N, C-alpha and C. Protein backbone atom coordinates (compact mmCIF):
# COMPACT_ATOMS: atom_id res chain seq x y z
N UNK A 1 123.00 82.74 94.20
CA UNK A 1 121.61 83.55 93.91
C UNK A 1 121.30 84.36 94.67
N UNK A 2 120.68 85.62 94.37
CA UNK A 2 119.94 86.54 95.17
C UNK A 2 118.97 86.33 96.01
N UNK A 3 118.70 86.71 97.05
CA UNK A 3 117.70 86.75 97.91
C UNK A 3 116.11 87.13 97.38
N UNK A 4 115.06 86.35 97.55
CA UNK A 4 113.65 86.72 97.09
C UNK A 4 113.15 87.43 98.21
N UNK A 5 113.15 88.82 98.64
CA UNK A 5 112.77 89.11 99.47
C UNK A 5 111.38 89.14 99.99
N UNK A 6 110.41 89.01 100.99
CA UNK A 6 109.20 88.81 101.17
C UNK A 6 108.39 89.25 102.43
N UNK A 7 107.28 89.98 102.03
CA UNK A 7 106.29 90.49 103.53
C UNK A 7 105.35 89.54 103.44
N UNK A 8 105.15 89.04 104.88
CA UNK A 8 103.88 88.27 104.77
C UNK A 8 102.54 89.13 105.77
N UNK A 9 101.55 89.29 105.16
CA UNK A 9 100.62 90.11 105.33
C UNK A 9 99.36 89.27 105.81
N UNK A 10 99.14 88.86 107.11
CA UNK A 10 97.98 87.82 107.41
C UNK A 10 98.17 88.01 109.26
N UNK A 11 96.39 88.13 109.43
CA UNK A 11 96.23 88.72 110.82
C UNK A 11 96.30 87.20 111.95
N UNK A 12 96.51 86.13 111.30
CA UNK A 12 96.46 84.78 112.26
C UNK A 12 98.33 84.51 112.91
N UNK A 13 98.61 85.32 113.68
CA UNK A 13 99.86 84.90 114.27
C UNK A 13 100.56 83.65 114.39
N UNK A 14 99.69 82.62 114.78
CA UNK A 14 100.38 81.32 114.67
C UNK A 14 100.76 80.89 112.83
N UNK A 15 99.79 80.90 111.88
CA UNK A 15 100.07 80.92 110.58
C UNK A 15 101.32 81.98 109.93
N UNK A 16 101.31 82.83 110.44
CA UNK A 16 102.34 84.25 109.96
C UNK A 16 103.66 83.37 110.35
N UNK A 17 103.97 83.14 112.05
CA UNK A 17 105.02 82.37 112.30
C UNK A 17 105.76 81.28 111.73
N UNK A 18 104.55 80.30 111.49
CA UNK A 18 105.04 79.20 110.65
C UNK A 18 105.37 79.22 109.32
N UNK A 19 104.62 80.11 108.69
CA UNK A 19 105.03 80.54 106.92
C UNK A 19 106.14 81.00 106.90
N UNK A 20 106.84 81.84 108.27
CA UNK A 20 107.91 82.50 108.02
C UNK A 20 109.02 81.75 108.31
N UNK A 21 109.13 80.70 109.27
CA UNK A 21 109.49 79.55 109.57
C UNK A 21 109.65 78.59 108.24
N UNK A 22 108.99 78.32 107.58
CA UNK A 22 108.98 77.47 106.30
C UNK A 22 109.64 78.31 105.24
N UNK A 23 109.49 79.93 105.11
CA UNK A 23 110.31 80.36 103.94
C UNK A 23 111.63 80.23 104.02
N UNK A 24 111.94 80.20 105.44
CA UNK A 24 113.36 80.62 106.10
C UNK A 24 114.01 79.17 105.82
N UNK A 25 113.56 78.21 105.32
CA UNK A 25 114.43 77.09 105.20
C UNK A 25 114.88 77.04 103.65
N UNK A 26 114.26 77.93 103.09
CA UNK A 26 114.74 77.52 101.58
C UNK A 26 116.03 78.93 101.51
N UNK A 27 117.24 78.54 100.93
CA UNK A 27 118.19 79.08 100.84
C UNK A 27 118.02 80.38 100.20
N UNK A 28 117.07 80.62 99.10
CA UNK A 28 116.86 82.17 98.16
C UNK A 28 115.72 82.67 98.51
N UNK A 29 115.42 82.31 100.19
CA UNK A 29 113.83 83.07 100.20
C UNK A 29 114.19 83.91 101.42
N UNK A 30 113.57 85.23 101.97
CA UNK A 30 113.96 85.86 103.22
C UNK A 30 112.85 86.94 103.41
N UNK A 31 112.16 86.39 104.79
CA UNK A 31 110.96 87.22 105.22
C UNK A 31 111.56 88.78 105.72
N UNK A 32 111.35 89.90 105.00
CA UNK A 32 112.04 90.93 105.48
C UNK A 32 111.03 91.74 106.33
N UNK A 33 109.74 91.28 106.33
CA UNK A 33 108.58 91.97 107.09
C UNK A 33 107.41 91.04 107.62
N UNK A 34 106.45 91.57 108.35
CA UNK A 34 105.24 91.02 108.43
C UNK A 34 104.28 91.93 108.99
N UNK A 35 103.10 91.41 108.76
CA UNK A 35 102.06 92.48 109.21
C UNK A 35 100.62 91.86 109.39
N UNK A 36 100.04 92.42 110.59
CA UNK A 36 98.65 91.73 110.78
C UNK A 36 97.56 92.29 110.40
N UNK A 37 97.82 93.53 109.60
CA UNK A 37 96.71 94.22 108.93
C UNK A 37 96.97 95.13 107.90
N UNK A 38 95.93 95.53 107.39
CA UNK A 38 96.34 96.33 106.08
C UNK A 38 97.03 97.41 106.29
N UNK A 39 96.95 98.58 107.31
CA UNK A 39 97.71 99.81 107.21
C UNK A 39 99.10 99.43 107.62
N UNK A 40 99.32 98.13 108.53
CA UNK A 40 100.68 97.76 108.68
C UNK A 40 101.69 97.14 107.65
N UNK A 41 100.60 96.33 106.85
CA UNK A 41 101.21 96.00 105.56
C UNK A 41 101.78 97.13 104.51
N UNK A 42 100.96 98.12 104.20
CA UNK A 42 100.91 99.09 103.45
C UNK A 42 102.30 99.96 103.94
N UNK A 43 102.28 99.80 105.07
CA UNK A 43 103.69 100.11 105.81
C UNK A 43 104.88 100.09 105.68
N UNK A 44 104.70 98.52 105.49
CA UNK A 44 105.86 97.68 105.87
C UNK A 44 106.49 97.57 104.14
N UNK A 45 105.28 97.71 103.21
CA UNK A 45 106.07 97.80 101.98
C UNK A 45 106.53 98.66 101.69
N UNK A 46 105.62 100.00 102.07
CA UNK A 46 106.62 100.99 101.76
C UNK A 46 108.04 101.03 101.94
N UNK A 47 108.50 100.55 103.05
CA UNK A 47 109.63 100.76 104.11
C UNK A 47 110.52 99.70 103.35
N UNK A 48 110.07 98.34 103.03
CA UNK A 48 110.86 97.54 102.62
C UNK A 48 111.16 97.28 101.14
N UNK A 49 110.13 97.41 100.47
CA UNK A 49 110.01 97.30 99.17
C UNK A 49 110.51 95.88 98.83
N UNK A 50 109.51 94.94 99.50
CA UNK A 50 110.07 93.52 99.31
C UNK A 50 109.46 93.05 97.70
N UNK A 51 110.50 92.03 97.14
CA UNK A 51 109.74 91.66 96.13
C UNK A 51 108.53 90.89 95.84
N UNK A 52 108.06 90.39 97.07
CA UNK A 52 106.82 89.86 96.80
C UNK A 52 106.15 89.87 98.14
N UNK A 53 104.78 90.27 98.17
CA UNK A 53 103.88 89.87 99.52
C UNK A 53 103.19 89.06 99.47
N UNK A 54 102.62 88.24 100.17
CA UNK A 54 102.10 87.45 100.62
C UNK A 54 100.70 88.05 101.53
N UNK A 55 99.69 87.91 100.55
CA UNK A 55 98.53 88.84 101.17
C UNK A 55 97.42 88.02 101.53
N UNK A 56 96.99 88.09 102.84
CA UNK A 56 95.76 87.51 103.09
C UNK A 56 94.42 88.58 103.00
N UNK A 57 93.64 88.21 101.74
CA UNK A 57 92.41 89.17 101.69
C UNK A 57 91.50 89.38 102.59
N UNK A 58 91.40 88.59 103.89
CA UNK A 58 90.71 88.55 104.70
C UNK A 58 90.86 88.98 105.91
N UNK A 59 91.87 90.19 105.98
CA UNK A 59 92.59 90.34 107.39
C UNK A 59 92.04 91.73 107.61
N UNK A 60 92.20 92.09 109.06
CA UNK A 60 91.58 93.74 109.28
C UNK A 60 91.96 94.69 108.29
N UNK A 61 90.89 95.38 107.82
CA UNK A 61 91.18 96.81 107.08
C UNK A 61 91.42 96.26 105.83
N UNK A 62 90.96 95.22 105.51
CA UNK A 62 91.07 94.76 103.94
C UNK A 62 89.82 94.49 102.97
N UNK A 63 88.91 95.01 103.42
CA UNK A 63 87.43 95.03 103.15
C UNK A 63 87.33 95.45 101.54
N UNK A 64 88.62 96.10 100.78
CA UNK A 64 88.36 96.67 99.66
C UNK A 64 89.79 95.89 98.75
N UNK A 65 89.65 94.66 98.73
CA UNK A 65 91.21 93.85 98.02
C UNK A 65 91.61 94.65 97.15
N UNK A 66 90.54 94.95 95.93
CA UNK A 66 91.25 95.93 94.94
C UNK A 66 92.09 96.92 95.21
N UNK A 67 91.52 97.64 96.04
CA UNK A 67 92.20 98.90 96.55
C UNK A 67 93.32 98.66 96.83
N UNK A 68 93.55 97.77 97.51
CA UNK A 68 94.70 97.24 98.59
C UNK A 68 95.65 97.02 97.45
N UNK A 69 95.07 96.03 96.50
CA UNK A 69 96.25 95.71 95.60
C UNK A 69 96.81 96.98 94.81
N UNK A 70 95.53 98.10 94.46
CA UNK A 70 96.19 98.95 93.39
C UNK A 70 97.16 100.03 94.38
N UNK A 71 96.95 100.25 95.75
CA UNK A 71 98.01 100.96 96.81
C UNK A 71 99.58 100.31 96.92
N UNK A 72 99.32 98.93 96.92
CA UNK A 72 100.86 98.22 96.86
C UNK A 72 101.58 98.51 95.50
N UNK A 73 100.86 98.33 94.79
CA UNK A 73 101.26 98.82 93.12
C UNK A 73 101.67 100.03 93.20
N UNK A 74 100.82 101.47 93.88
CA UNK A 74 101.57 102.60 94.09
C UNK A 74 102.48 102.92 94.69
N UNK A 75 102.46 102.06 95.66
CA UNK A 75 103.59 102.40 96.78
C UNK A 75 105.10 101.58 96.42
N UNK A 76 105.39 100.32 95.83
CA UNK A 76 106.21 99.63 95.43
C UNK A 76 105.65 99.31 94.15
N UNK A 77 106.14 99.80 93.24
CA UNK A 77 105.65 99.02 91.69
C UNK A 77 106.44 97.63 91.50
N UNK A 78 107.55 97.65 92.36
CA UNK A 78 108.52 96.54 91.84
C UNK A 78 107.77 95.34 92.58
N UNK A 79 106.73 95.64 93.73
CA UNK A 79 106.53 94.12 94.68
C UNK A 79 105.53 93.95 93.76
N UNK A 80 105.67 92.32 93.56
CA UNK A 80 104.95 91.01 93.17
C UNK A 80 103.76 91.12 94.26
N UNK A 81 102.40 90.66 93.88
CA UNK A 81 101.45 90.35 94.91
C UNK A 81 100.83 89.06 94.97
N UNK A 82 100.98 88.15 95.85
CA UNK A 82 100.63 86.85 95.91
C UNK A 82 99.19 86.90 97.04
N UNK A 83 98.13 86.20 96.25
CA UNK A 83 97.09 86.18 97.44
C UNK A 83 96.99 84.69 98.10
N UNK A 84 96.87 84.62 99.42
CA UNK A 84 97.10 83.65 100.02
C UNK A 84 95.73 83.62 101.22
N UNK A 85 94.75 83.02 100.74
CA UNK A 85 93.39 82.76 101.25
C UNK A 85 93.04 81.52 101.90
N UNK A 86 92.16 81.50 102.51
CA UNK A 86 91.45 80.27 103.18
C UNK A 86 89.91 80.34 102.29
N UNK A 87 89.80 81.36 101.33
CA UNK A 87 88.68 81.52 101.12
C UNK A 87 88.78 81.01 99.30
N UNK A 88 87.99 80.29 98.82
CA UNK A 88 88.07 80.40 97.21
C UNK A 88 86.98 81.08 96.50
N UNK A 89 87.51 82.06 95.70
CA UNK A 89 86.58 83.22 95.15
C UNK A 89 86.98 83.46 93.96
N UNK A 90 86.50 82.32 92.80
CA UNK A 90 86.78 82.47 91.39
C UNK A 90 86.60 84.04 90.72
N UNK A 91 85.60 84.72 91.17
CA UNK A 91 85.06 86.10 90.93
C UNK A 91 86.07 86.94 91.54
N UNK A 92 86.56 87.26 92.34
CA UNK A 92 87.38 87.86 93.05
C UNK A 92 88.92 87.66 92.38
N UNK A 93 89.40 86.30 92.16
CA UNK A 93 90.81 86.17 91.00
C UNK A 93 90.34 86.77 90.10
N UNK A 94 89.20 86.61 89.52
CA UNK A 94 89.27 87.39 87.91
C UNK A 94 89.44 88.69 88.12
N UNK A 95 88.89 89.13 89.28
CA UNK A 95 88.96 90.87 89.46
C UNK A 95 90.28 91.24 89.55
N UNK A 96 91.06 90.50 90.13
CA UNK A 96 92.36 90.92 90.82
C UNK A 96 93.61 90.91 89.75
N UNK A 97 93.08 89.61 89.01
CA UNK A 97 94.29 89.24 87.89
C UNK A 97 94.71 90.50 86.71
N UNK A 98 93.67 91.53 86.27
CA UNK A 98 93.96 92.42 85.50
C UNK A 98 94.95 93.59 86.45
N UNK A 99 94.89 93.68 87.78
CA UNK A 99 95.53 94.52 88.45
C UNK A 99 96.87 94.03 88.49
N UNK A 100 97.77 92.88 88.01
CA UNK A 100 98.73 92.33 88.10
C UNK A 100 99.13 91.37 89.12
N UNK A 101 97.91 90.52 90.03
CA UNK A 101 98.36 89.65 91.13
C UNK A 101 99.18 88.67 90.31
N UNK A 102 100.25 88.04 90.91
CA UNK A 102 100.97 87.04 90.33
C UNK A 102 100.50 85.59 90.60
N UNK A 103 99.29 85.39 91.54
CA UNK A 103 98.90 84.26 92.12
C UNK A 103 97.67 84.54 93.06
N UNK A 104 96.65 83.19 93.03
CA UNK A 104 95.53 83.09 93.88
C UNK A 104 95.70 81.92 94.59
N UNK A 105 95.94 82.00 96.01
CA UNK A 105 96.57 80.42 96.41
C UNK A 105 95.59 80.10 97.57
N UNK A 106 95.07 79.11 97.78
CA UNK A 106 94.48 78.60 99.16
C UNK A 106 95.45 78.22 100.05
N UNK A 107 95.24 78.64 101.23
CA UNK A 107 96.24 78.24 102.38
C UNK A 107 96.41 76.81 102.50
N UNK A 108 95.57 75.63 101.46
CA UNK A 108 95.85 74.54 102.21
C UNK A 108 96.94 73.90 101.15
N UNK A 109 97.66 74.90 100.37
CA UNK A 109 98.50 74.37 99.15
C UNK A 109 100.03 73.83 99.99
N UNK A 110 100.61 72.71 99.43
CA UNK A 110 101.79 72.52 100.09
C UNK A 110 102.66 73.66 100.17
N UNK A 111 103.66 73.42 101.00
CA UNK A 111 104.99 74.39 101.09
C UNK A 111 105.97 74.22 99.59
N UNK A 112 105.73 73.12 99.04
CA UNK A 112 106.53 73.21 97.57
C UNK A 112 105.84 73.97 96.65
N UNK A 113 104.48 74.26 96.58
CA UNK A 113 103.63 74.71 95.86
C UNK A 113 103.95 76.36 95.99
N UNK A 114 103.79 76.26 97.13
CA UNK A 114 103.80 78.05 97.54
C UNK A 114 105.10 78.55 97.35
N UNK A 115 106.39 77.68 97.61
CA UNK A 115 107.43 78.63 96.99
C UNK A 115 107.65 78.60 95.84
N UNK A 116 107.49 77.34 95.32
CA UNK A 116 107.57 77.54 93.43
C UNK A 116 106.70 78.89 93.13
N UNK A 117 105.33 78.95 93.88
CA UNK A 117 104.71 79.93 93.05
C UNK A 117 105.42 81.49 93.41
N UNK A 118 106.16 81.62 94.86
CA UNK A 118 106.89 82.78 94.94
C UNK A 118 108.07 83.15 94.10
N UNK A 119 108.74 81.93 93.95
CA UNK A 119 109.94 82.06 92.92
C UNK A 119 109.25 82.65 91.56
N UNK A 120 108.09 82.18 91.07
CA UNK A 120 107.61 82.39 89.89
C UNK A 120 107.08 83.80 89.87
N UNK A 121 106.76 84.67 90.62
CA UNK A 121 106.43 85.70 91.30
C UNK A 121 107.40 86.86 90.65
N UNK A 122 108.60 86.06 91.58
CA UNK A 122 109.76 87.01 91.54
C UNK A 122 110.66 87.26 90.09
N UNK A 123 109.81 86.46 89.06
CA UNK A 123 110.55 86.64 87.89
C UNK A 123 109.87 87.11 87.05
N UNK A 124 110.24 88.47 86.61
CA UNK A 124 109.52 89.15 85.29
C UNK A 124 108.85 88.30 84.27
N UNK A 125 107.72 88.35 83.78
CA UNK A 125 107.09 87.81 82.72
C UNK A 125 106.74 86.50 83.40
N UNK A 126 106.70 85.88 84.77
CA UNK A 126 106.47 84.51 85.14
C UNK A 126 105.03 83.94 84.94
N UNK A 127 104.81 82.96 85.46
CA UNK A 127 103.63 82.30 85.21
C UNK A 127 103.07 82.80 86.41
N UNK A 128 101.51 83.03 86.06
CA UNK A 128 100.70 83.31 87.15
C UNK A 128 100.13 82.00 87.85
N UNK A 129 100.08 81.79 89.19
CA UNK A 129 99.64 80.56 89.85
C UNK A 129 98.26 81.03 90.54
N UNK A 130 97.28 79.74 89.95
CA UNK A 130 96.20 79.82 90.64
C UNK A 130 96.04 78.37 90.98
N UNK A 131 95.32 78.25 92.55
CA UNK A 131 95.12 77.15 93.47
C UNK A 131 94.26 77.28 94.01
N UNK A 132 92.72 76.63 93.35
CA UNK A 132 91.52 76.95 93.87
C UNK A 132 91.05 75.35 93.46
N UNK A 133 89.95 75.06 94.14
CA UNK A 133 89.28 73.80 93.75
C UNK A 133 88.71 73.51 91.92
N UNK A 134 88.57 72.99 91.29
CA UNK A 134 88.36 72.83 90.26
C UNK A 134 86.92 73.17 90.20
N UNK A 135 86.15 72.89 91.07
CA UNK A 135 84.63 73.44 90.63
C UNK A 135 84.60 75.15 90.97
N UNK A 136 85.30 75.76 91.68
CA UNK A 136 85.40 77.00 91.82
C UNK A 136 86.03 77.58 90.75
N UNK A 137 87.19 77.28 89.96
CA UNK A 137 87.44 77.59 88.77
C UNK A 137 86.90 77.54 87.35
N UNK A 138 85.90 76.23 87.58
CA UNK A 138 85.16 76.55 86.58
C UNK A 138 83.76 76.72 86.48
N UNK A 139 83.61 77.83 87.66
CA UNK A 139 82.23 78.25 88.03
C UNK A 139 81.80 79.65 87.06
N UNK A 140 80.89 79.51 86.23
CA UNK A 140 80.93 80.70 85.77
C UNK A 140 80.39 81.68 86.11
N UNK A 141 80.95 83.01 85.54
CA UNK A 141 80.43 84.32 86.01
C UNK A 141 79.06 84.64 86.32
N UNK A 142 78.01 85.27 87.18
CA UNK A 142 77.26 85.62 87.52
C UNK A 142 76.36 86.59 86.23
N UNK A 143 75.56 86.23 85.66
CA UNK A 143 74.94 86.97 84.21
C UNK A 143 74.27 88.13 84.78
N UNK A 144 73.68 88.27 86.00
CA UNK A 144 73.32 89.53 86.68
C UNK A 144 74.21 90.25 87.23
N UNK A 145 73.87 91.32 88.42
CA UNK A 145 74.66 92.06 88.85
C UNK A 145 74.70 91.34 90.14
N UNK A 146 73.83 90.54 90.27
CA UNK A 146 74.46 89.68 91.65
C UNK A 146 74.11 87.94 91.56
N UNK A 147 75.04 87.18 92.25
CA UNK A 147 74.58 85.94 92.26
C UNK A 147 73.41 85.51 92.75
N UNK A 148 73.02 84.54 92.65
CA UNK A 148 72.00 83.77 93.65
C UNK A 148 72.55 83.69 95.03
N UNK A 149 73.41 83.47 95.21
CA UNK A 149 73.50 83.40 96.59
C UNK A 149 73.75 84.90 97.40
N UNK A 150 74.30 85.50 96.78
CA UNK A 150 74.36 86.85 96.76
C UNK A 150 72.98 87.76 97.22
N UNK A 151 71.88 87.21 96.29
CA UNK A 151 71.05 87.69 96.65
C UNK A 151 70.41 87.22 97.72
N UNK A 152 70.60 85.95 98.05
CA UNK A 152 69.51 85.15 99.50
C UNK A 152 70.33 86.02 100.23
N UNK A 153 71.64 86.30 100.43
CA UNK A 153 72.68 86.96 101.29
C UNK A 153 71.67 88.38 101.49
N UNK A 154 71.65 89.20 100.67
CA UNK A 154 71.30 90.41 100.75
C UNK A 154 69.69 90.76 101.09
N UNK A 155 69.02 89.79 100.60
CA UNK A 155 67.62 89.61 101.04
C UNK A 155 67.47 89.52 102.55
N UNK A 156 68.20 88.55 103.42
CA UNK A 156 68.40 88.40 104.64
C UNK A 156 68.84 89.61 105.31
N UNK A 157 69.48 90.32 104.79
CA UNK A 157 70.29 91.33 105.30
C UNK A 157 69.58 92.43 105.47
N UNK A 158 68.68 92.51 104.27
CA UNK A 158 67.48 93.66 104.03
C UNK A 158 66.28 93.68 105.19
N UNK A 159 66.12 92.31 105.80
CA UNK A 159 65.17 92.11 106.46
C UNK A 159 66.11 92.37 108.20
N UNK A 160 66.95 92.44 108.22
CA UNK A 160 67.82 92.95 109.55
C UNK A 160 68.26 91.65 109.97
N UNK A 161 68.55 90.56 109.02
CA UNK A 161 69.38 89.52 110.14
C UNK A 161 71.13 89.79 109.94
N UNK A 162 71.21 89.28 111.37
CA UNK A 162 72.80 89.55 111.46
C UNK A 162 73.87 88.61 110.51
N UNK A 163 75.09 88.67 110.46
CA UNK A 163 75.92 87.77 109.57
C UNK A 163 75.66 86.42 110.57
N UNK A 164 75.98 86.45 111.57
CA UNK A 164 75.70 85.03 112.09
C UNK A 164 74.04 84.61 111.57
N UNK A 165 73.29 84.98 111.95
CA UNK A 165 72.04 84.80 111.73
C UNK A 165 71.77 84.31 109.95
N UNK A 166 72.57 85.02 109.16
CA UNK A 166 72.46 84.66 107.70
C UNK A 166 73.02 83.46 107.67
N UNK A 167 74.39 83.46 108.31
CA UNK A 167 75.19 82.23 108.31
C UNK A 167 74.31 80.88 108.79
N UNK A 168 73.59 80.94 109.66
CA UNK A 168 72.96 80.05 110.23
C UNK A 168 71.96 79.49 109.28
N UNK A 169 71.18 80.49 108.52
CA UNK A 169 70.18 80.23 108.08
C UNK A 169 70.37 79.39 106.44
N UNK A 170 71.90 79.84 105.90
CA UNK A 170 72.20 79.48 104.58
C UNK A 170 73.20 78.32 104.70
N UNK A 171 73.36 77.85 105.91
CA UNK A 171 74.63 76.76 106.30
C UNK A 171 75.80 77.39 105.85
N UNK A 172 76.17 78.29 106.07
CA UNK A 172 77.41 78.18 105.39
C UNK A 172 78.33 79.64 106.67
N UNK A 173 79.44 79.61 106.63
CA UNK A 173 80.22 80.22 107.66
C UNK A 173 80.06 81.78 107.82
N UNK A 174 80.31 82.69 108.88
CA UNK A 174 80.32 83.91 108.75
C UNK A 174 81.45 84.98 107.85
N UNK A 175 82.50 84.26 107.82
CA UNK A 175 83.70 84.84 107.13
C UNK A 175 82.84 84.58 105.28
N UNK A 176 82.21 83.56 105.00
CA UNK A 176 81.78 83.43 103.77
C UNK A 176 80.84 84.66 103.42
N UNK A 177 79.83 84.91 104.37
CA UNK A 177 78.73 85.94 104.43
C UNK A 177 79.36 87.16 104.43
N UNK A 178 80.29 87.77 105.25
CA UNK A 178 81.21 89.01 104.59
C UNK A 178 81.36 89.18 103.59
N UNK A 179 82.11 88.08 102.91
CA UNK A 179 82.55 87.64 101.40
C UNK A 179 81.52 88.36 100.69
N UNK A 180 80.56 87.49 100.79
CA UNK A 180 79.44 87.70 99.98
C UNK A 180 79.09 89.29 100.15
N UNK A 181 78.72 89.82 100.98
CA UNK A 181 78.49 91.54 101.64
C UNK A 181 79.58 91.90 100.78
N UNK A 182 80.70 91.94 100.80
CA UNK A 182 81.72 93.04 100.30
C UNK A 182 81.63 92.78 98.79
N UNK A 183 81.49 91.49 98.08
CA UNK A 183 80.97 91.45 96.58
C UNK A 183 79.88 92.35 96.17
N UNK A 184 79.00 92.48 97.32
CA UNK A 184 77.35 93.15 97.05
C UNK A 184 78.16 94.67 97.15
N UNK A 185 78.52 95.06 98.33
CA UNK A 185 79.08 96.47 98.14
C UNK A 185 79.54 96.85 96.91
N UNK A 186 80.58 96.03 96.48
CA UNK A 186 81.32 96.37 95.23
C UNK A 186 80.63 96.52 93.99
N UNK A 187 79.64 95.59 93.87
CA UNK A 187 78.52 95.57 92.60
C UNK A 187 77.55 96.39 92.44
N UNK A 188 77.40 97.03 93.70
CA UNK A 188 76.25 97.77 93.79
C UNK A 188 76.89 99.54 94.35
N UNK A 189 78.00 99.34 94.27
CA UNK A 189 78.58 100.60 94.78
C UNK A 189 77.90 101.39 96.01
N UNK A 190 77.72 100.28 97.07
CA UNK A 190 77.17 100.80 98.27
C UNK A 190 78.25 100.85 99.59
N UNK A 191 77.98 101.63 100.53
CA UNK A 191 78.85 101.74 101.28
C UNK A 191 78.42 101.00 102.81
N UNK A 192 76.93 100.56 102.75
CA UNK A 192 76.55 99.91 104.17
C UNK A 192 75.45 99.07 103.44
N UNK A 193 75.02 97.95 104.37
CA UNK A 193 74.03 97.10 104.23
C UNK A 193 72.70 97.85 104.21
N UNK A 194 72.45 98.77 104.55
CA UNK A 194 71.18 99.67 104.50
C UNK A 194 71.05 100.31 102.96
N UNK A 195 72.15 100.97 102.77
CA UNK A 195 72.33 101.36 101.11
C UNK A 195 72.28 100.28 100.10
N UNK A 196 72.96 99.47 100.32
CA UNK A 196 73.18 97.96 99.39
C UNK A 196 71.36 97.51 98.84
N UNK A 197 70.91 97.51 100.21
CA UNK A 197 69.43 96.81 100.15
C UNK A 197 68.53 98.03 99.72
N UNK A 198 68.80 99.40 99.99
CA UNK A 198 68.01 100.51 99.38
C UNK A 198 67.87 100.45 97.58
N UNK A 199 69.35 100.31 97.41
CA UNK A 199 69.54 99.93 95.94
C UNK A 199 69.46 99.17 95.22
N UNK A 200 69.26 98.12 95.92
CA UNK A 200 68.68 96.93 95.14
C UNK A 200 67.24 96.98 95.22
N UNK A 201 66.45 97.37 95.83
CA UNK A 201 64.97 97.48 96.02
C UNK A 201 64.53 98.40 95.02
N UNK A 202 65.36 99.55 94.87
CA UNK A 202 65.31 100.64 94.19
C UNK A 202 65.13 100.09 92.61
N UNK A 203 66.40 99.43 92.32
CA UNK A 203 66.57 98.60 91.02
C UNK A 203 65.79 97.57 90.85
N UNK A 204 64.50 96.88 91.47
CA UNK A 204 63.87 95.89 91.58
C UNK A 204 65.02 94.68 91.68
N UNK A 205 65.97 94.53 92.06
CA UNK A 205 66.96 93.35 92.09
C UNK A 205 65.86 92.40 93.32
N UNK A 206 65.71 92.83 94.73
CA UNK A 206 65.31 92.10 95.35
C UNK A 206 63.80 92.79 95.88
N UNK A 207 62.91 92.41 96.53
CA UNK A 207 61.28 92.99 96.84
C UNK A 207 61.81 93.70 98.27
N UNK A 208 60.73 94.58 98.65
CA UNK A 208 60.92 95.30 99.73
C UNK A 208 60.66 94.51 100.61
N UNK A 209 61.41 94.04 101.94
CA UNK A 209 61.10 93.04 103.08
C UNK A 209 59.84 93.67 104.23
N UNK A 210 59.41 94.71 103.43
CA UNK A 210 58.57 95.44 104.43
C UNK A 210 57.10 95.34 103.32
N UNK A 211 56.19 94.62 103.50
CA UNK A 211 54.80 94.42 102.90
C UNK A 211 53.54 95.45 103.42
N UNK A 212 53.40 96.27 102.38
CA UNK A 212 52.38 97.45 102.93
C UNK A 212 51.10 96.41 102.72
N UNK A 213 50.28 96.32 103.71
CA UNK A 213 48.92 95.85 103.42
C UNK A 213 48.31 96.77 102.57
N UNK A 214 46.95 96.02 101.86
CA UNK A 214 46.22 96.83 101.08
C UNK A 214 45.21 97.78 102.17
N UNK A 215 44.52 98.83 101.59
CA UNK A 215 43.76 99.63 102.18
C UNK A 215 42.40 98.85 102.69
N UNK A 216 42.14 99.22 103.73
CA UNK A 216 40.66 98.58 104.40
C UNK A 216 39.38 99.57 103.73
N UNK A 217 38.82 98.37 103.21
CA UNK A 217 37.51 99.06 102.64
C UNK A 217 36.43 98.77 103.78
N UNK A 218 35.74 99.65 103.93
CA UNK A 218 34.49 99.13 104.57
C UNK A 218 33.42 98.69 103.71
N UNK A 219 32.89 97.77 104.24
CA UNK A 219 31.62 96.96 103.66
C UNK A 219 30.79 97.79 103.24
N UNK A 220 29.96 97.74 102.08
CA UNK A 220 29.24 98.37 101.25
C UNK A 220 27.84 97.88 101.63
N UNK A 221 27.21 98.67 101.91
CA UNK A 221 25.65 98.32 102.23
C UNK A 221 24.67 98.72 101.08
N UNK A 222 23.63 98.29 100.89
CA UNK A 222 22.64 98.41 100.05
C UNK A 222 21.53 98.30 100.32
């Protein structure tokens, strides 16, 4: 049986090394390259032309996962993309599926599920593997431009709150705040927090964080 050649793109060294060891235990799987950021991943994909890339969507330089997937397909059309992440994001998974990804897996999957997904990805017209919690998979798409949580994040960002402050206020992780901000940038076609806030305020999506006091009126005497 011909080996399935893989490239692992993940910024966590221990996880990347453990994953490499796990995959090398399989007779038909061979890791031909590793990368710790998006630039290194694209360079490795162009050089090695792997059959499958395991891509962490939250590593350095991957602020635009859609653009990264498109770049991979452009550099090596035969390379299949499996997303491997710590974050459940049904909206992102739905957005990436039309780009041809062959799976969206949470890092808590078993080794058996992962290796099975890799083999499916390497087969033309094989199954697409989705591994997320059931509540996330059944989550309806937001009807408006921003989800309720994204609105909360953007409103706090518009008031000058940092990711750390937003995370503490909403009881979520900083990584989740960053994910929401990326989604906000994508939806509003913004390049920065200030631009996103200005666009949302101008469109009436959020209220201006600055309240202009009413003009002072001098008392009238008769």
